[in-house]
Amino acid sequence: MRNIIEPFVFRVLLNSDVIAQGENKENMDVISKYQILGLVLSAIIIQLLRLLLGKWLWNTYLVKIVSGVKPLENIGQLIIISILLKILIK
C-alpha cells in the first residue's frame, strides 16, 4: 500500500513551479520540505486506510468467527488494541 500512496502524494506535492525553475540551494530546500510533507501525508493516509479496513474486517469477520469478541464501536478502540498488542508482543 505504501508503494502506491507515496508516489501519488509525491507527484501531487512536487508538481510545482519550484522544481521547474532549476536546482539551486533554495529550490532544493523547498523540495526537501515538500518531500517531508509528502512522507507525513502518505503515512497519515496509510494509517487511516489501515484503521478503516481493520475496523471493517473486525466487525465483519472476527465477530462472527470468534465467540466472545464484540464489534468495535469506533476506530479509537482499534488504535488502543493495536498499541496494546505492540506492547505485549515486544
N, C-alpha and C. Protein backbone atom coordinates (compact mmCIF):
# COMPACT_ATOMS: atom_id res chain seq x y z
N MET A 1 0.83 -1.17 0.00
CA MET A 1 0.00 0.00 0.00
C MET A 1 0.88 1.25 0.00
N ARG A 2 1.99 1.18 0.73
CA ARG A 2 2.89 2.32 0.80
C ARG A 2 3.49 2.63 -0.57
N ASN A 3 3.77 1.60 -1.36
CA ASN A 3 4.36 1.80 -2.69
C ASN A 3 3.39 2.46 -3.65
N ILE A 4 2.12 2.42 -3.35
CA ILE A 4 1.12 3.05 -4.22
C ILE A 4 0.85 4.48 -3.79
N ILE A 5 0.70 4.71 -2.48
CA ILE A 5 0.29 6.02 -1.99
C ILE A 5 1.42 7.04 -2.02
N GLU A 6 2.63 6.64 -1.62
CA GLU A 6 3.74 7.60 -1.58
C GLU A 6 4.05 8.22 -2.94
N PRO A 7 4.16 7.44 -4.02
CA PRO A 7 4.41 8.10 -5.32
C PRO A 7 3.30 9.05 -5.73
N PHE A 8 2.06 8.71 -5.41
CA PHE A 8 0.94 9.59 -5.75
C PHE A 8 1.06 10.92 -5.00
N VAL A 9 1.33 10.85 -3.70
CA VAL A 9 1.45 12.06 -2.90
C VAL A 9 2.64 12.89 -3.37
N PHE A 10 3.77 12.24 -3.68
CA PHE A 10 4.93 12.98 -4.16
C PHE A 10 4.66 13.66 -5.49
N ARG A 11 3.97 12.98 -6.40
CA ARG A 11 3.67 13.60 -7.69
C ARG A 11 2.77 14.80 -7.52
N VAL A 12 1.78 14.69 -6.63
CA VAL A 12 0.85 15.80 -6.43
C VAL A 12 1.57 16.96 -5.76
N LEU A 13 2.37 16.68 -4.72
CA LEU A 13 3.05 17.76 -4.00
C LEU A 13 4.22 18.35 -4.77
N LEU A 14 4.96 17.52 -5.48
CA LEU A 14 6.15 18.00 -6.17
C LEU A 14 5.85 18.56 -7.56
N ASN A 15 4.62 18.58 -7.95
CA ASN A 15 4.23 19.14 -9.24
C ASN A 15 4.04 20.65 -9.07
N SER A 16 5.14 21.35 -8.87
CA SER A 16 5.06 22.79 -8.64
C SER A 16 6.05 23.51 -9.55
N ASP A 17 5.95 24.84 -9.56
CA ASP A 17 6.84 25.65 -10.38
C ASP A 17 8.25 25.70 -9.81
N VAL A 18 8.41 25.39 -8.54
CA VAL A 18 9.73 25.45 -7.90
C VAL A 18 10.70 24.48 -8.55
N ILE A 19 10.24 23.29 -8.86
CA ILE A 19 11.11 22.28 -9.45
C ILE A 19 11.50 22.67 -10.87
N ALA A 20 10.59 23.28 -11.60
CA ALA A 20 10.86 23.64 -12.99
C ALA A 20 11.86 24.79 -13.10
N GLN A 21 12.08 25.56 -12.03
CA GLN A 21 12.96 26.72 -12.09
C GLN A 21 14.43 26.37 -12.04
N GLY A 22 14.79 25.20 -11.65
CA GLY A 22 16.20 24.83 -11.58
C GLY A 22 16.51 24.16 -10.26
N GLU A 23 17.81 23.91 -10.06
CA GLU A 23 18.20 23.19 -8.87
C GLU A 23 19.22 23.98 -8.05
N ASN A 24 18.90 25.21 -7.69
CA ASN A 24 19.80 25.92 -6.79
C ASN A 24 19.46 25.55 -5.34
N LYS A 25 20.20 26.09 -4.38
CA LYS A 25 20.06 25.67 -2.99
C LYS A 25 18.68 25.97 -2.43
N GLU A 26 18.11 27.14 -2.75
CA GLU A 26 16.78 27.48 -2.23
C GLU A 26 15.73 26.49 -2.73
N ASN A 27 15.80 26.16 -4.00
CA ASN A 27 14.83 25.22 -4.55
C ASN A 27 14.98 23.83 -3.95
N MET A 28 16.21 23.42 -3.68
CA MET A 28 16.43 22.10 -3.07
C MET A 28 15.88 22.07 -1.65
N ASP A 29 15.97 23.19 -0.91
CA ASP A 29 15.39 23.25 0.43
C ASP A 29 13.87 23.12 0.36
N VAL A 30 13.27 23.80 -0.62
CA VAL A 30 11.82 23.72 -0.78
C VAL A 30 11.40 22.31 -1.17
N ILE A 31 12.18 21.69 -2.06
CA ILE A 31 11.87 20.32 -2.48
C ILE A 31 11.95 19.37 -1.30
N SER A 32 12.98 19.52 -0.47
CA SER A 32 13.10 18.62 0.68
C SER A 32 11.95 18.84 1.67
N LYS A 33 11.48 20.07 1.81
CA LYS A 33 10.32 20.32 2.67
C LYS A 33 9.08 19.64 2.10
N TYR A 34 8.92 19.70 0.79
CA TYR A 34 7.80 19.02 0.15
C TYR A 34 7.91 17.51 0.32
N GLN A 35 9.12 16.98 0.27
CA GLN A 35 9.29 15.54 0.44
C GLN A 35 8.93 15.11 1.86
N ILE A 36 9.32 15.90 2.85
CA ILE A 36 8.96 15.58 4.23
C ILE A 36 7.45 15.65 4.40
N LEU A 37 6.84 16.69 3.84
CA LEU A 37 5.38 16.81 3.91
C LEU A 37 4.71 15.64 3.20
N GLY A 38 5.28 15.23 2.08
CA GLY A 38 4.73 14.08 1.36
C GLY A 38 4.81 12.80 2.16
N LEU A 39 5.94 12.59 2.85
CA LEU A 39 6.07 11.40 3.69
C LEU A 39 5.07 11.41 4.84
N VAL A 40 4.89 12.56 5.46
CA VAL A 40 3.95 12.66 6.58
C VAL A 40 2.53 12.42 6.10
N LEU A 41 2.15 13.06 5.00
CA LEU A 41 0.80 12.87 4.47
C LEU A 41 0.55 11.43 4.04
N SER A 42 1.52 10.82 3.40
CA SER A 42 1.31 9.43 2.98
C SER A 42 1.23 8.51 4.19
N ALA A 43 1.99 8.78 5.24
CA ALA A 43 1.90 7.96 6.46
C ALA A 43 0.53 8.09 7.11
N ILE A 44 -0.01 9.30 7.13
CA ILE A 44 -1.34 9.52 7.71
C ILE A 44 -2.41 8.81 6.88
N ILE A 45 -2.32 8.93 5.56
CA ILE A 45 -3.30 8.28 4.69
C ILE A 45 -3.25 6.77 4.84
N ILE A 46 -2.04 6.21 4.90
CA ILE A 46 -1.89 4.76 5.05
C ILE A 46 -2.47 4.30 6.38
N GLN A 47 -2.20 5.04 7.45
CA GLN A 47 -2.71 4.65 8.76
C GLN A 47 -4.23 4.72 8.80
N LEU A 48 -4.82 5.75 8.21
CA LEU A 48 -6.28 5.85 8.17
C LEU A 48 -6.90 4.71 7.38
N LEU A 49 -6.30 4.36 6.25
CA LEU A 49 -6.82 3.24 5.47
C LEU A 49 -6.72 1.93 6.24
N ARG A 50 -5.60 1.73 6.95
CA ARG A 50 -5.45 0.51 7.76
C ARG A 50 -6.50 0.45 8.86
N LEU A 51 -6.75 1.58 9.51
CA LEU A 51 -7.73 1.60 10.59
C LEU A 51 -9.14 1.31 10.07
N LEU A 52 -9.50 1.95 8.97
CA LEU A 52 -10.83 1.72 8.41
C LEU A 52 -10.99 0.27 7.95
N LEU A 53 -9.99 -0.25 7.27
CA LEU A 53 -10.03 -1.64 6.82
C LEU A 53 -10.03 -2.59 8.01
N GLY A 54 -9.23 -2.29 9.03
CA GLY A 54 -9.18 -3.13 10.22
C GLY A 54 -10.50 -3.18 10.96
N LYS A 55 -11.15 -2.03 11.08
CA LYS A 55 -12.46 -2.00 11.75
C LYS A 55 -13.48 -2.81 10.96
N TRP A 56 -13.47 -2.65 9.65
CA TRP A 56 -14.42 -3.39 8.82
C TRP A 56 -14.18 -4.89 8.92
N LEU A 57 -12.91 -5.31 8.85
CA LEU A 57 -12.60 -6.74 8.96
C LEU A 57 -12.98 -7.28 10.34
N TRP A 58 -12.71 -6.52 11.38
CA TRP A 58 -13.03 -6.94 12.74
C TRP A 58 -14.54 -7.16 12.87
N ASN A 59 -15.31 -6.14 12.47
CA ASN A 59 -16.76 -6.22 12.64
C ASN A 59 -17.41 -7.22 11.68
N THR A 60 -16.86 -7.41 10.51
CA THR A 60 -17.47 -8.30 9.53
C THR A 60 -17.11 -9.76 9.76
N TYR A 61 -15.86 -10.04 10.05
CA TYR A 61 -15.42 -11.43 10.11
C TYR A 61 -15.08 -11.92 11.51
N LEU A 62 -14.29 -11.17 12.26
CA LEU A 62 -13.81 -11.66 13.55
C LEU A 62 -14.95 -11.85 14.54
N VAL A 63 -15.92 -10.95 14.54
CA VAL A 63 -17.05 -11.06 15.46
C VAL A 63 -17.85 -12.32 15.17
N LYS A 64 -18.00 -12.67 13.91
CA LYS A 64 -18.78 -13.86 13.54
C LYS A 64 -18.01 -15.15 13.80
N ILE A 65 -16.69 -15.14 13.64
CA ILE A 65 -15.90 -16.36 13.73
C ILE A 65 -15.50 -16.70 15.16
N VAL A 66 -15.08 -15.69 15.94
CA VAL A 66 -14.57 -15.92 17.30
C VAL A 66 -15.65 -15.54 18.31
N SER A 67 -16.06 -16.51 19.12
CA SER A 67 -17.07 -16.20 20.13
C SER A 67 -16.45 -15.37 21.25
N GLY A 68 -17.20 -14.45 21.78
CA GLY A 68 -16.72 -13.58 22.85
C GLY A 68 -16.13 -12.27 22.37
N VAL A 69 -15.96 -12.12 21.07
CA VAL A 69 -15.43 -10.87 20.52
C VAL A 69 -16.60 -9.97 20.15
N LYS A 70 -16.57 -8.75 20.67
CA LYS A 70 -17.65 -7.80 20.40
C LYS A 70 -17.24 -6.86 19.26
N PRO A 71 -18.23 -6.30 18.57
CA PRO A 71 -17.92 -5.36 17.48
C PRO A 71 -17.27 -4.08 18.01
N LEU A 72 -16.43 -3.49 17.19
CA LEU A 72 -15.83 -2.21 17.54
C LEU A 72 -16.83 -1.09 17.27
N GLU A 73 -16.90 -0.14 18.20
CA GLU A 73 -17.81 0.98 18.01
C GLU A 73 -17.15 2.13 17.24
N ASN A 74 -15.85 2.30 17.44
CA ASN A 74 -15.14 3.37 16.73
C ASN A 74 -13.70 2.95 16.46
N ILE A 75 -13.01 3.75 15.69
CA ILE A 75 -11.64 3.44 15.30
C ILE A 75 -10.69 3.58 16.49
N GLY A 76 -11.04 4.42 17.45
CA GLY A 76 -10.20 4.61 18.62
C GLY A 76 -9.96 3.31 19.38
N GLN A 77 -10.96 2.46 19.42
CA GLN A 77 -10.80 1.16 20.08
C GLN A 77 -9.76 0.31 19.36
N LEU A 78 -9.75 0.39 18.05
CA LEU A 78 -8.76 -0.37 17.27
C LEU A 78 -7.35 0.18 17.49
N ILE A 79 -7.22 1.49 17.64
CA ILE A 79 -5.92 2.09 17.93
C ILE A 79 -5.39 1.58 19.27
N ILE A 80 -6.26 1.56 20.28
CA ILE A 80 -5.86 1.09 21.61
C ILE A 80 -5.47 -0.39 21.56
N ILE A 81 -6.23 -1.19 20.82
CA ILE A 81 -5.91 -2.62 20.70
C ILE A 81 -4.56 -2.81 20.01
N SER A 82 -4.30 -2.03 18.97
CA SER A 82 -3.01 -2.17 18.26
C SER A 82 -1.84 -1.74 19.15
N ILE A 83 -2.01 -0.69 19.94
CA ILE A 83 -0.96 -0.26 20.87
C ILE A 83 -0.72 -1.34 21.92
N LEU A 84 -1.80 -1.90 22.45
CA LEU A 84 -1.68 -2.94 23.46
C LEU A 84 -0.96 -4.17 22.90
N LEU A 85 -1.30 -4.56 21.68
CA LEU A 85 -0.63 -5.71 21.06
C LEU A 85 0.85 -5.44 20.81
N LYS A 86 1.19 -4.21 20.41
CA LYS A 86 2.60 -3.88 20.20
C LYS A 86 3.38 -3.95 21.50
N ILE A 87 2.76 -3.52 22.60
CA ILE A 87 3.43 -3.59 23.91
C ILE A 87 3.59 -5.04 24.34
N LEU A 88 2.56 -5.84 24.16
CA LEU A 88 2.61 -7.23 24.61
C LEU A 88 3.55 -8.09 23.77
N ILE A 89 3.63 -7.83 22.48
CA ILE A 89 4.45 -8.66 21.60
C ILE A 89 5.93 -8.32 21.73
N LYS A 90 6.27 -7.07 21.93
CA LYS A 90 7.70 -6.69 22.03
C LYS A 90 8.25 -7.08 23.32
